[in-house]
Amino acid sequence: MPTRQTSKYVVVKEYNEPIEAPDISFKSWLRWIWKQVTSMKLAIILLLLLAAAAIPGSIFPQRSADPNGVTLYFRNNPTSAPVLDKLQLFDVYSSSWFSSIYLLLFISLIGCVLPRVGVHYKALRAEPPLAPTNLARLPEYKKIETTNSIDVAVQYLKSKRYKVIATKKDIRAEKGYLRETGNLIFHISLIGVLISVGLGSALSFSGQRVLVEGETFVNNEASYDSLSPGLLYKTSDLTPFSLHLDSFWTKYDLLNPTNYGIPIDFTATVTSKLPSGKPQKSDIKVNQPLIMPNAKVYLTGNGFAPVLEIKDPDGAISFSGPVVFLPQDKNLTSLGVIKVPDAKKQFGMAAFFYPTVGRLSTGALTSVYPYPVDPVLTMNVFEGNLGLESGLNSNAFELNTHAMKQIAGGKSGTKALQLLPGDSATLPDNLGTVKFVGFKRFASLDITYNPGEIWVLLFAILVLLGLIMMLITPRRRIWIRKTTTGIEIGALAKSRDEMLGKIVKELAKQLKKKIK
């Protein structure tokens, strides 16, 4: 019930007509929705939602990173797994709900920042504001008793790169527009970094390949040990080229007693070839990748690959070739797994390679030097089903011995096989023979492509530049007014400014010089 206040009485008037709200047009609704979407409050909420939405990606196995884990999850949880799959919890980072939050967050951030560009542009073109009525209320204030002109202050302020508007009675000056410019560059570049990272990740790929000396890698999907393409990258777009590992060598420190035997350089010498080009010899080092069209080849690891030849009791070769052994310590004591599914009886071997063999105080073998001075190979033999028929991808560096019987090494009652290069040994349980032919070096190569790298670098530099501009540029306003008794100087800073008082004092000093 509305009321009307008078000087002596309160008059109450009743309205019987119903109050109707005005109609809101479609354009007004769109404007209201856009205002809500581009509010900083919603941006913070979306950022928190994005962090919460990423949690299932670390709880449940993801198809892009662990397809075997997803298969096992379905096998172990036949009831709940289909429901979780419909909710896209096995493809969290490519799911519709995660992408929606991510996209809405970008729209919100862009909507928050871009309008400020127009506001800042108008501020750059606008004149400094009129002086407050009472300059004495400003943080910095000084009054000078003089009858001289205030024109000398104009030249001083312009020399300090202030925007100056001067009349006969007052001066308005402002400086520090680069502070807001830097702020906008910082936030826009930050959005650019995020967009570049997102698009670069979607249009990129990363693959790994372990290459033994003498082997050749061809850049196609089947040649990778593991390949992770981005959401928008097609493996059919891989640029064709070949890479042959000619040799691998390590340089050791043999001069410094403190670091004696420590590797100081790794070099993989390769021969690369494009379909329409000539073979090119190159060296790949740890911090020196090989640049190929739409790909960079990095050296990420190395080790030894003993060459073995295994024959059945009737002399037929059931396994032949180099086997990659994974280094276990700095002296390259290496562990490898040999699986022989094509023999008459399936069996596997867990083997250790010692480049320079030595013994611990417990009597166990170990490597005492990473260079192959006195190489020895030992093997524990397990007989039984290797589990290669399960339909799951098996790890080449793991031997599942739960359903297998150990017939050499450990507590089997038969000593582990111990071979020098060129030696042969008879396998127990009439499995045949094994020969340690020799060894080669291998190199672990990481082949990557990311078209967003240069843009990430560019926007990162702009982020740093904007931050520096924002931090070192002060925003100041100065007013000088001519009065009947002298001159008043007032100054105001947008943030804490230790130099503001000194500037006012310097202005007063410049004006006082005119008295003489």
Protein backbone atom coordinates (compact mmCIF):
# COMPACT_ATOMS: atom_id res chain seq x y z
CA MET A 1 0.00 0.00 0.00
CA PRO A 2 1.82 3.17 -1.17
CA THR A 3 1.98 6.25 1.07
CA ARG A 4 2.70 9.92 0.45
CA GLN A 5 4.60 11.90 3.11
CA THR A 6 3.62 15.55 3.71
CA SER A 7 5.11 18.08 6.14
CA LYS A 8 2.42 17.53 8.82
CA TYR A 9 0.35 14.55 7.86
CA VAL A 10 0.69 11.09 6.31
CA VAL A 11 -1.92 10.62 3.63
CA VAL A 12 -2.74 7.04 2.74
CA LYS A 13 -4.29 6.34 -0.63
CA GLU A 14 -5.59 2.96 -1.67
CA TYR A 15 -5.38 1.61 -5.19
CA ASN A 16 -7.85 -1.01 -6.27
CA GLU A 17 -6.38 -1.56 -9.72
CA PRO A 18 -4.10 -4.66 -10.02
CA ILE A 19 -0.43 -4.00 -10.63
CA GLU A 20 0.80 -5.51 -13.87
CA ALA A 21 4.47 -6.08 -14.66
CA PRO A 22 5.62 -4.72 -18.02
CA ASP A 23 6.30 -7.21 -20.79
CA ILE A 24 9.96 -8.11 -21.31
CA SER A 25 11.03 -8.38 -24.91
CA PHE A 26 13.09 -11.23 -26.37
CA LYS A 27 16.02 -8.85 -26.79
CA SER A 28 15.82 -7.92 -23.11
CA TRP A 29 15.87 -11.59 -22.14
CA LEU A 30 18.95 -12.17 -24.27
CA ARG A 31 20.63 -9.15 -22.71
CA TRP A 32 19.86 -10.47 -19.21
CA ILE A 33 21.15 -13.96 -20.06
CA TRP A 34 24.35 -12.52 -21.52
CA LYS A 35 24.86 -10.41 -18.42
CA GLN A 36 24.54 -13.49 -16.20
CA VAL A 37 26.85 -15.59 -18.38
CA THR A 38 29.58 -12.94 -18.47
CA SER A 39 29.50 -12.18 -14.75
CA MET A 40 32.64 -12.88 -12.75
CA LYS A 41 30.55 -14.80 -10.21
CA LEU A 42 29.51 -17.34 -12.86
CA ALA A 43 33.09 -17.58 -14.18
CA ILE A 44 34.33 -18.58 -10.71
CA ILE A 45 31.48 -21.10 -10.32
CA LEU A 46 32.31 -22.63 -13.73
CA LEU A 47 35.98 -22.84 -12.81
CA LEU A 48 35.10 -24.77 -9.66
CA LEU A 49 32.70 -26.99 -11.65
CA LEU A 50 35.45 -27.76 -14.17
CA ALA A 51 37.78 -28.82 -11.37
CA ALA A 52 35.06 -31.02 -9.86
CA ALA A 53 34.17 -32.49 -13.27
CA ALA A 54 37.78 -33.62 -13.75
CA ILE A 55 37.70 -35.78 -10.60
CA PRO A 56 35.99 -38.82 -12.25
CA GLY A 57 38.82 -38.85 -14.79
CA SER A 58 41.24 -39.81 -12.04
CA ILE A 59 38.87 -42.32 -10.41
CA PHE A 60 37.72 -44.35 -13.43
CA PRO A 61 40.01 -45.70 -16.20
CA GLN A 62 39.85 -43.64 -19.38
CA ARG A 63 39.65 -45.18 -22.86
CA SER A 64 42.14 -42.68 -24.27
CA ALA A 65 44.85 -43.58 -21.74
CA ASP A 66 44.03 -47.08 -20.44
CA PRO A 67 41.76 -49.10 -22.75
CA ASN A 68 42.77 -52.34 -21.01
CA GLY A 69 41.69 -50.85 -17.68
CA VAL A 70 38.25 -50.07 -19.12
CA THR A 71 37.92 -53.63 -20.43
CA LEU A 72 38.87 -55.05 -17.03
CA TYR A 73 36.43 -52.69 -15.30
CA PHE A 74 33.59 -53.98 -17.50
CA ARG A 75 34.65 -57.55 -16.76
CA ASN A 76 34.79 -56.99 -12.98
CA ASN A 77 31.70 -54.76 -12.78
CA PRO A 78 29.20 -56.02 -15.38
CA THR A 79 26.22 -54.27 -13.72
CA SER A 80 27.54 -50.77 -12.99
CA ALA A 81 29.96 -50.39 -15.91
CA PRO A 82 27.26 -49.92 -18.64
CA VAL A 83 25.55 -47.26 -16.52
CA LEU A 84 28.84 -45.42 -15.97
CA ASP A 85 29.57 -45.69 -19.69
CA LYS A 86 26.26 -44.01 -20.55
CA LEU A 87 27.31 -41.17 -18.23
CA GLN A 88 30.57 -40.95 -20.23
CA LEU A 89 32.68 -41.53 -17.12
CA PHE A 90 35.18 -43.58 -19.15
CA ASP A 91 35.60 -40.66 -21.58
CA VAL A 92 35.45 -37.75 -19.15
CA TYR A 93 37.64 -35.24 -20.99
CA SER A 94 35.84 -35.74 -24.30
CA SER A 95 32.35 -36.02 -22.79
CA SER A 96 29.56 -33.63 -23.74
CA TRP A 97 29.06 -32.38 -20.17
CA PHE A 98 32.77 -31.69 -19.58
CA SER A 99 33.09 -29.95 -22.96
CA SER A 100 29.98 -27.86 -22.19
CA ILE A 101 31.45 -26.59 -18.92
CA TYR A 102 34.78 -25.91 -20.62
CA LEU A 103 33.15 -24.01 -23.52
CA LEU A 104 30.85 -22.02 -21.23
CA LEU A 105 33.84 -21.04 -19.08
CA PHE A 106 35.64 -19.67 -22.14
CA ILE A 107 32.57 -17.72 -23.23
CA SER A 108 32.22 -16.31 -19.72
CA LEU A 109 35.88 -15.28 -19.53
CA ILE A 110 35.82 -13.72 -22.98
CA GLY A 111 32.59 -11.91 -22.14
CA CYS A 112 34.17 -10.55 -18.97
CA VAL A 113 37.30 -9.24 -20.66
CA LEU A 114 36.26 -7.99 -24.10
CA PRO A 115 33.81 -5.27 -22.91
CA ARG A 116 36.65 -3.79 -20.89
CA VAL A 117 38.55 -3.19 -24.15
CA GLY A 118 35.85 -0.77 -25.34
CA VAL A 119 35.72 0.95 -21.95
CA HIS A 120 39.50 1.34 -21.96
CA TYR A 121 39.47 2.70 -25.51
CA LYS A 122 36.98 5.40 -24.48
CA ALA A 123 39.11 6.21 -21.45
CA LEU A 124 42.17 6.69 -23.67
CA ARG A 125 40.29 9.23 -25.79
CA ALA A 126 38.61 11.02 -22.88
CA GLU A 127 39.99 14.12 -21.22
CA PRO A 128 41.19 14.02 -17.61
CA PRO A 129 38.22 14.53 -15.26
CA LEU A 130 37.35 17.88 -13.66
CA ALA A 131 38.99 18.69 -10.37
CA PRO A 132 37.13 17.98 -7.12
CA THR A 133 35.65 21.01 -5.38
CA ASN A 134 37.89 20.59 -2.34
CA LEU A 135 41.44 19.57 -3.34
CA ALA A 136 42.50 19.52 0.31
CA ARG A 137 40.61 16.25 0.80
CA LEU A 138 42.86 14.39 -1.67
CA PRO A 139 45.61 12.05 -0.39
CA GLU A 140 48.34 14.49 -1.50
CA TYR A 141 47.75 18.23 -1.25
CA LYS A 142 49.92 21.33 -1.20
CA LYS A 143 49.14 25.06 -1.29
CA ILE A 144 51.58 27.72 -2.53
CA GLU A 145 51.16 31.44 -1.94
CA THR A 146 52.08 33.10 -5.22
CA THR A 147 50.62 35.30 -7.91
CA ASN A 148 52.57 33.67 -10.73
CA SER A 149 51.14 31.79 -13.66
CA ILE A 150 50.57 28.04 -13.57
CA ASP A 151 51.84 27.58 -17.14
CA VAL A 152 55.23 26.28 -15.97
CA ALA A 153 53.47 23.19 -14.57
CA VAL A 154 52.12 22.36 -18.04
CA GLN A 155 55.61 21.93 -19.51
CA TYR A 156 56.77 19.90 -16.53
CA LEU A 157 53.80 17.51 -16.67
CA LYS A 158 54.09 17.03 -20.43
CA SER A 159 57.79 16.20 -20.01
CA LYS A 160 56.67 13.41 -17.63
CA ARG A 161 54.23 12.11 -20.30
CA TYR A 162 51.02 13.19 -18.63
CA LYS A 163 47.88 13.89 -20.64
CA VAL A 164 47.31 17.57 -19.84
CA ILE A 165 44.29 19.86 -20.26
CA ALA A 166 45.12 23.44 -19.22
CA THR A 167 43.07 26.62 -18.84
CA LYS A 168 43.98 29.98 -17.33
CA LYS A 169 42.63 28.93 -13.93
CA ASP A 170 43.36 25.19 -13.66
CA ILE A 171 45.28 22.23 -15.01
CA ARG A 172 44.03 18.64 -15.26
CA ALA A 173 46.62 15.90 -15.81
CA GLU A 174 46.42 12.13 -15.92
CA LYS A 175 48.95 9.34 -16.44
CA GLY A 176 49.07 5.55 -16.25
CA TYR A 177 46.77 4.29 -19.02
CA LEU A 178 49.36 1.56 -19.70
CA ARG A 179 48.39 -0.01 -16.37
CA GLU A 180 44.93 -0.94 -17.63
CA THR A 181 46.39 -1.76 -21.06
CA GLY A 182 48.75 -4.21 -19.38
CA ASN A 183 45.86 -5.63 -17.36
CA LEU A 184 43.87 -6.27 -20.55
CA ILE A 185 46.90 -7.74 -22.36
CA PHE A 186 47.47 -10.05 -19.38
CA HIS A 187 43.89 -11.38 -19.28
CA ILE A 188 43.40 -11.63 -23.06
CA SER A 189 46.76 -13.39 -23.44
CA LEU A 190 45.84 -15.74 -20.61
CA ILE A 191 42.70 -16.71 -22.53
CA GLY A 192 44.90 -17.09 -25.61
CA VAL A 193 47.19 -19.48 -23.72
CA LEU A 194 44.23 -21.60 -22.64
CA ILE A 195 42.75 -21.67 -26.15
CA SER A 196 46.15 -22.50 -27.68
CA VAL A 197 46.70 -25.30 -25.19
CA GLY A 198 43.22 -26.72 -25.82
CA LEU A 199 43.36 -26.53 -29.62
CA GLY A 200 47.01 -27.60 -29.68
CA SER A 201 46.16 -30.65 -27.60
CA ALA A 202 43.20 -31.52 -29.84
CA LEU A 203 45.27 -31.17 -33.04
CA SER A 204 48.41 -32.86 -31.72
CA PHE A 205 49.70 -36.38 -31.20
CA SER A 206 52.34 -38.04 -29.05
CA GLY A 207 53.84 -41.44 -29.72
CA GLN A 208 56.61 -43.61 -28.31
CA ARG A 209 58.84 -46.15 -29.96
CA VAL A 210 61.75 -48.20 -28.64
CA LEU A 211 64.23 -48.63 -31.48
CA VAL A 212 67.09 -51.13 -31.37
CA GLU A 213 70.28 -50.55 -33.34
CA GLY A 214 69.72 -51.67 -36.92
CA GLU A 215 65.94 -51.33 -36.78
CA THR A 216 63.85 -48.89 -38.83
CA PHE A 217 60.82 -46.95 -37.71
CA VAL A 218 58.20 -45.88 -40.25
CA ASN A 219 55.88 -43.05 -39.23
CA ASN A 220 52.53 -44.81 -39.35
CA GLU A 221 50.11 -45.90 -36.67
CA ALA A 222 51.18 -49.56 -36.69
CA SER A 223 54.85 -48.75 -36.04
CA TYR A 224 54.31 -47.03 -32.68
CA ASP A 225 54.61 -48.87 -29.39
CA SER A 226 52.01 -46.41 -28.09
CA LEU A 227 50.24 -43.54 -29.82
CA SER A 228 47.97 -40.90 -28.30
CA PRO A 229 46.32 -38.69 -30.94
CA GLY A 230 44.36 -35.58 -30.01
CA LEU A 231 40.59 -35.41 -30.32
CA LEU A 232 40.77 -33.68 -33.72
CA TYR A 233 43.87 -35.42 -35.05
CA LYS A 234 43.54 -38.20 -37.61
CA THR A 235 46.30 -40.79 -37.63
CA SER A 236 45.92 -40.94 -41.41
CA ASP A 237 47.44 -37.43 -41.46
CA LEU A 238 50.80 -38.65 -40.11
CA THR A 239 53.57 -37.36 -42.34
CA PRO A 240 55.34 -40.35 -43.93
CA PHE A 241 59.04 -40.68 -43.14
CA SER A 242 61.40 -43.42 -41.98
CA LEU A 243 64.00 -43.41 -39.23
CA HIS A 244 66.84 -45.97 -39.01
CA LEU A 245 68.89 -46.22 -35.79
CA ASP A 246 72.46 -46.59 -37.01
CA SER A 247 74.16 -46.55 -33.61
CA PHE A 248 73.85 -45.38 -30.04
CA TRP A 249 76.73 -44.38 -27.83
CA THR A 250 77.22 -42.88 -24.40
CA LYS A 251 80.07 -40.64 -23.27
CA TYR A 252 81.24 -41.22 -19.69
CA ASP A 253 83.15 -38.95 -17.35
CA LEU A 254 86.54 -40.63 -16.92
CA LEU A 255 88.45 -37.58 -15.67
CA ASN A 256 86.60 -36.36 -12.57
CA PRO A 257 87.15 -38.78 -9.65
CA THR A 258 83.96 -37.60 -7.97
CA ASN A 259 81.78 -38.39 -11.01
CA TYR A 260 83.88 -41.20 -12.45
CA GLY A 261 81.81 -43.38 -14.77
CA ILE A 262 78.83 -41.01 -14.80
CA PRO A 263 77.31 -40.59 -18.29
CA ILE A 264 77.57 -37.01 -19.54
CA ASP A 265 76.28 -37.33 -23.11
CA PHE A 266 73.96 -39.60 -25.08
CA THR A 267 73.85 -39.67 -28.87
CA ALA A 268 71.60 -41.63 -31.20
CA THR A 269 72.86 -41.52 -34.77
CA VAL A 270 69.95 -42.00 -37.17
CA THR A 271 69.29 -41.95 -40.89
CA SER A 272 66.00 -40.27 -41.79
CA LYS A 273 64.31 -40.30 -45.17
CA LEU A 274 61.27 -38.62 -46.67
CA PRO A 275 59.40 -40.26 -49.58
CA SER A 276 60.72 -37.72 -52.08
CA GLY A 277 64.05 -36.95 -50.44
CA LYS A 278 67.52 -38.39 -49.92
CA PRO A 279 68.64 -40.15 -46.72
CA GLN A 280 69.90 -37.70 -44.09
CA LYS A 281 72.22 -38.62 -41.21
CA SER A 282 71.51 -36.83 -37.93
CA ASP A 283 72.36 -37.02 -34.25
CA ILE A 284 69.61 -36.95 -31.64
CA LYS A 285 70.61 -35.90 -28.14
CA VAL A 286 68.67 -35.33 -24.94
CA ASN A 287 68.23 -31.60 -25.58
CA GLN A 288 68.64 -31.78 -29.34
CA PRO A 289 65.55 -33.29 -31.02
CA LEU A 290 65.37 -34.21 -34.68
CA ILE A 291 63.00 -31.88 -36.54
CA MET A 292 60.90 -33.67 -39.15
CA PRO A 293 57.87 -32.38 -41.10
CA ASN A 294 55.00 -32.10 -38.60
CA ALA A 295 56.97 -34.06 -35.99
CA LYS A 296 59.78 -33.72 -33.49
CA VAL A 297 61.79 -36.77 -32.40
CA TYR A 298 63.15 -36.64 -28.83
CA LEU A 299 65.59 -39.01 -27.14
CA THR A 300 64.08 -39.99 -23.78
CA GLY A 301 65.89 -43.17 -22.72
CA ASN A 302 68.34 -45.91 -23.62
CA GLY A 303 69.60 -49.31 -22.57
CA PHE A 304 70.68 -52.73 -23.78
CA ALA A 305 68.89 -55.30 -25.92
CA PRO A 306 70.46 -58.80 -25.61
CA VAL A 307 70.13 -60.84 -28.79
CA LEU A 308 68.79 -64.37 -28.11
CA GLU A 309 68.14 -67.47 -30.17
CA ILE A 310 65.82 -70.15 -28.74
CA LYS A 311 65.33 -73.55 -30.40
CA ASP A 312 62.88 -76.38 -29.80
CA PRO A 313 64.21 -79.85 -28.88
CA ASP A 314 64.02 -80.75 -32.59
CA GLY A 315 66.20 -77.76 -33.53
CA ALA A 316 63.47 -75.48 -34.93
CA ILE A 317 63.89 -71.80 -34.03
CA SER A 318 60.98 -70.66 -31.84
CA PHE A 319 62.40 -67.23 -30.97
CA SER A 320 65.19 -65.11 -32.41
CA GLY A 321 66.16 -61.46 -32.12
CA PRO A 322 66.97 -58.64 -29.70
CA VAL A 323 64.95 -58.18 -26.51
CA VAL A 324 64.71 -54.75 -24.88
CA PHE A 325 65.79 -54.83 -21.20
CA LEU A 326 64.75 -51.99 -18.89
CA PRO A 327 67.53 -50.38 -16.78
CA GLN A 328 67.01 -50.78 -13.02
CA ASP A 329 69.87 -48.63 -11.66
CA LYS A 330 72.52 -46.11 -12.71
CA ASN A 331 74.93 -48.93 -13.68
CA LEU A 332 72.28 -50.29 -16.10
CA THR A 333 71.49 -53.54 -14.33
CA SER A 334 68.63 -54.37 -16.69
CA LEU A 335 65.50 -56.52 -16.44
CA GLY A 336 63.91 -58.17 -19.44
CA VAL A 337 61.11 -60.60 -20.23
CA ILE A 338 61.21 -63.21 -22.98
CA LYS A 339 57.91 -64.85 -23.97
CA VAL A 340 57.94 -67.92 -26.22
CA PRO A 341 54.33 -68.66 -27.23
CA ASP A 342 55.28 -70.52 -30.43
CA ALA A 343 57.19 -73.34 -28.72
CA LYS A 344 55.64 -76.80 -28.27
CA LYS A 345 55.18 -75.86 -24.61
CA GLN A 346 54.60 -72.20 -23.82
CA PHE A 347 57.21 -70.77 -21.47
CA GLY A 348 58.72 -67.45 -20.48
CA MET A 349 61.91 -66.14 -18.93
CA ALA A 350 62.58 -63.30 -16.52
CA ALA A 351 66.18 -62.29 -17.20
CA PHE A 352 68.78 -59.86 -15.89
CA PHE A 353 71.58 -58.32 -17.94
CA TYR A 354 74.69 -57.03 -16.17
CA PRO A 355 76.92 -54.86 -18.45
CA THR A 356 79.85 -55.24 -16.03
CA VAL A 357 79.07 -58.00 -13.56
CA GLY A 358 79.99 -57.82 -9.89
CA ARG A 359 78.74 -59.23 -6.61
CA LEU A 360 77.07 -57.63 -3.59
CA SER A 361 77.98 -58.54 -0.03
CA THR A 362 75.00 -60.94 -0.07
CA GLY A 363 76.46 -62.78 -3.04
CA ALA A 364 73.81 -61.52 -5.48
CA LEU A 365 74.96 -60.34 -8.90
CA THR A 366 74.86 -56.69 -9.87
CA SER A 367 76.37 -54.33 -12.42
CA VAL A 368 79.27 -52.20 -11.17
CA TYR A 369 79.76 -50.10 -14.33
CA PRO A 370 77.30 -49.05 -17.09
CA TYR A 371 79.66 -49.79 -19.99
CA PRO A 372 79.71 -53.46 -21.14
CA VAL A 373 83.16 -54.53 -19.92
CA ASP A 374 82.17 -57.98 -18.60
CA PRO A 375 78.55 -58.65 -19.66
CA VAL A 376 76.57 -61.51 -18.15
CA LEU A 377 72.98 -62.66 -18.73
CA THR A 378 71.00 -64.67 -16.15
CA MET A 379 67.56 -66.18 -16.74
CA ASN A 380 64.79 -67.63 -14.58
CA VAL A 381 62.52 -69.94 -16.58
CA PHE A 382 58.75 -70.33 -16.08
CA GLU A 383 56.59 -72.92 -17.85
CA GLY A 384 52.85 -72.58 -18.46
CA ASN A 385 50.16 -70.48 -20.17
CA LEU A 386 51.44 -66.97 -20.98
CA GLY A 387 47.87 -65.57 -21.09
CA LEU A 388 48.26 -64.14 -24.58
CA GLU A 389 44.87 -65.55 -25.68
CA SER A 390 42.82 -63.40 -23.26
CA GLY A 391 42.17 -60.68 -25.86
CA LEU A 392 43.83 -57.98 -23.75
CA ASN A 393 46.96 -56.14 -24.76
CA SER A 394 49.83 -57.59 -22.73
CA ASN A 395 52.76 -55.66 -21.35
CA ALA A 396 55.93 -56.79 -23.08
CA PHE A 397 57.96 -56.01 -19.95
CA GLU A 398 55.84 -58.06 -17.53
CA LEU A 399 55.55 -61.82 -17.07
CA ASN A 400 52.45 -62.99 -15.22
CA THR A 401 53.78 -66.01 -13.31
CA HIS A 402 50.72 -66.71 -11.12
CA ALA A 403 49.55 -69.58 -13.31
CA MET A 404 53.06 -70.69 -14.30
CA LYS A 405 55.57 -73.12 -12.81
CA GLN A 406 59.14 -71.99 -12.19
CA ILE A 407 61.56 -74.60 -13.50
CA ALA A 408 64.86 -72.68 -13.27
CA GLY A 409 66.03 -70.17 -10.65
CA GLY A 410 64.51 -69.21 -7.33
CA LYS A 411 63.18 -72.12 -5.28
CA SER A 412 62.73 -74.43 -8.28
CA GLY A 413 65.72 -76.57 -7.33
CA THR A 414 67.48 -75.74 -10.60
CA LYS A 415 69.99 -72.89 -10.81
CA ALA A 416 69.17 -69.91 -12.98
CA LEU A 417 70.83 -69.98 -16.40
CA GLN A 418 73.97 -67.82 -16.59
CA LEU A 419 75.43 -67.00 -20.01
CA LEU A 420 78.25 -64.98 -21.48
CA PRO A 421 78.00 -63.54 -25.02
CA GLY A 422 78.19 -66.49 -27.44
CA ASP A 423 77.26 -69.11 -24.82
CA SER A 424 74.42 -71.62 -25.20
CA ALA A 425 72.50 -73.54 -22.53
CA THR A 426 69.96 -76.36 -22.43
CA LEU A 427 66.56 -75.36 -21.08
CA PRO A 428 65.07 -77.56 -18.35
CA ASP A 429 62.05 -79.82 -18.83
CA ASN A 430 63.10 -80.60 -22.40
CA LEU A 431 62.12 -77.12 -23.68
CA GLY A 432 65.10 -76.85 -26.03
CA THR A 433 68.15 -74.58 -26.00
CA VAL A 434 68.90 -70.89 -25.66
CA LYS A 435 71.88 -68.99 -27.04
CA PHE A 436 73.11 -65.55 -25.92
CA VAL A 437 74.22 -64.28 -29.33
CA GLY A 438 75.29 -60.82 -28.17
CA PHE A 439 73.73 -57.45 -27.37
CA LYS A 440 72.78 -54.17 -28.98
CA ARG A 441 71.87 -50.71 -27.69
CA PHE A 442 68.36 -49.31 -27.92
CA ALA A 443 66.99 -45.77 -27.82
CA SER A 444 63.58 -44.72 -26.50
CA LEU A 445 62.17 -42.13 -28.87
CA ASP A 446 59.26 -39.77 -28.27
CA ILE A 447 57.66 -38.47 -31.49
CA THR A 448 55.38 -35.49 -30.95
CA TYR A 449 53.52 -32.83 -32.90
CA ASN A 450 51.74 -29.83 -31.42
CA PRO A 451 50.79 -26.93 -33.71
CA GLY A 452 49.82 -24.82 -30.70
CA GLU A 453 53.35 -24.63 -29.24
CA ILE A 454 54.35 -21.41 -31.00
CA TRP A 455 51.05 -19.76 -30.03
CA VAL A 456 51.40 -20.85 -26.41
CA LEU A 457 54.89 -19.32 -26.37
CA LEU A 458 53.67 -16.10 -27.98
CA PHE A 459 50.74 -15.66 -25.59
CA ALA A 460 52.93 -16.61 -22.60
CA ILE A 461 55.36 -13.82 -23.54
CA LEU A 462 52.42 -11.41 -23.82
CA VAL A 463 51.13 -12.56 -20.41
CA LEU A 464 54.53 -11.71 -18.90
CA LEU A 465 54.66 -8.38 -20.76
CA GLY A 466 51.16 -7.43 -19.61
CA LEU A 467 51.98 -8.38 -16.03
CA ILE A 468 55.14 -6.23 -16.07
CA MET A 469 53.22 -3.27 -17.54
CA MET A 470 50.52 -3.69 -14.91
CA LEU A 471 53.00 -3.81 -12.02
CA ILE A 472 55.40 -1.02 -12.96
CA THR A 473 52.95 1.56 -14.35
CA PRO A 474 51.34 3.86 -11.75
CA ARG A 475 47.91 5.42 -12.41
CA ARG A 476 47.91 9.08 -11.26
CA ARG A 477 45.70 12.16 -11.52
CA ILE A 478 46.92 15.64 -10.71
CA TRP A 479 44.95 18.90 -10.47
CA ILE A 480 46.41 22.39 -10.20
CA ARG A 481 44.11 25.31 -9.46
CA LYS A 482 44.79 29.05 -9.39
CA THR A 483 43.14 30.79 -6.43
CA THR A 484 42.98 34.37 -5.23
CA THR A 485 45.70 33.72 -2.65
CA GLY A 486 47.97 31.32 -4.56
CA ILE A 487 48.06 27.89 -6.18
CA GLU A 488 46.60 24.57 -4.98
CA ILE A 489 48.00 21.18 -6.00
CA GLY A 490 46.09 17.94 -5.40
CA ALA A 491 46.99 14.41 -6.49
CA LEU A 492 45.30 11.02 -6.44
CA ALA A 493 46.58 7.52 -7.28
CA LYS A 494 44.47 4.49 -8.17
CA SER A 495 46.60 2.28 -5.90
CA ARG A 496 49.26 2.82 -3.30
CA ASP A 497 51.92 5.09 -4.78
CA GLU A 498 54.97 6.06 -2.76
CA MET A 499 56.10 8.56 -5.42
CA LEU A 500 52.91 10.64 -5.42
CA GLY A 501 53.99 12.92 -2.59
CA LYS A 502 57.39 13.51 -4.20
CA ILE A 503 55.73 14.51 -7.47
CA VAL A 504 53.54 17.07 -5.69
CA LYS A 505 56.58 18.51 -3.92
CA GLU A 506 58.48 18.71 -7.23
CA LEU A 507 55.55 20.51 -8.84
CA ALA A 508 55.49 23.00 -5.95
CA LYS A 509 59.23 23.49 -6.33
CA GLN A 510 58.85 24.22 -10.05
CA LEU A 511 56.11 26.76 -9.37
CA LYS A 512 58.14 28.49 -6.64
CA LYS A 513 61.03 29.09 -9.01
CA LYS A 514 58.89 31.61 -10.82
CA ILE A 515 58.71 33.81 -7.73
CA LYS A 516 62.32 34.87 -8.19
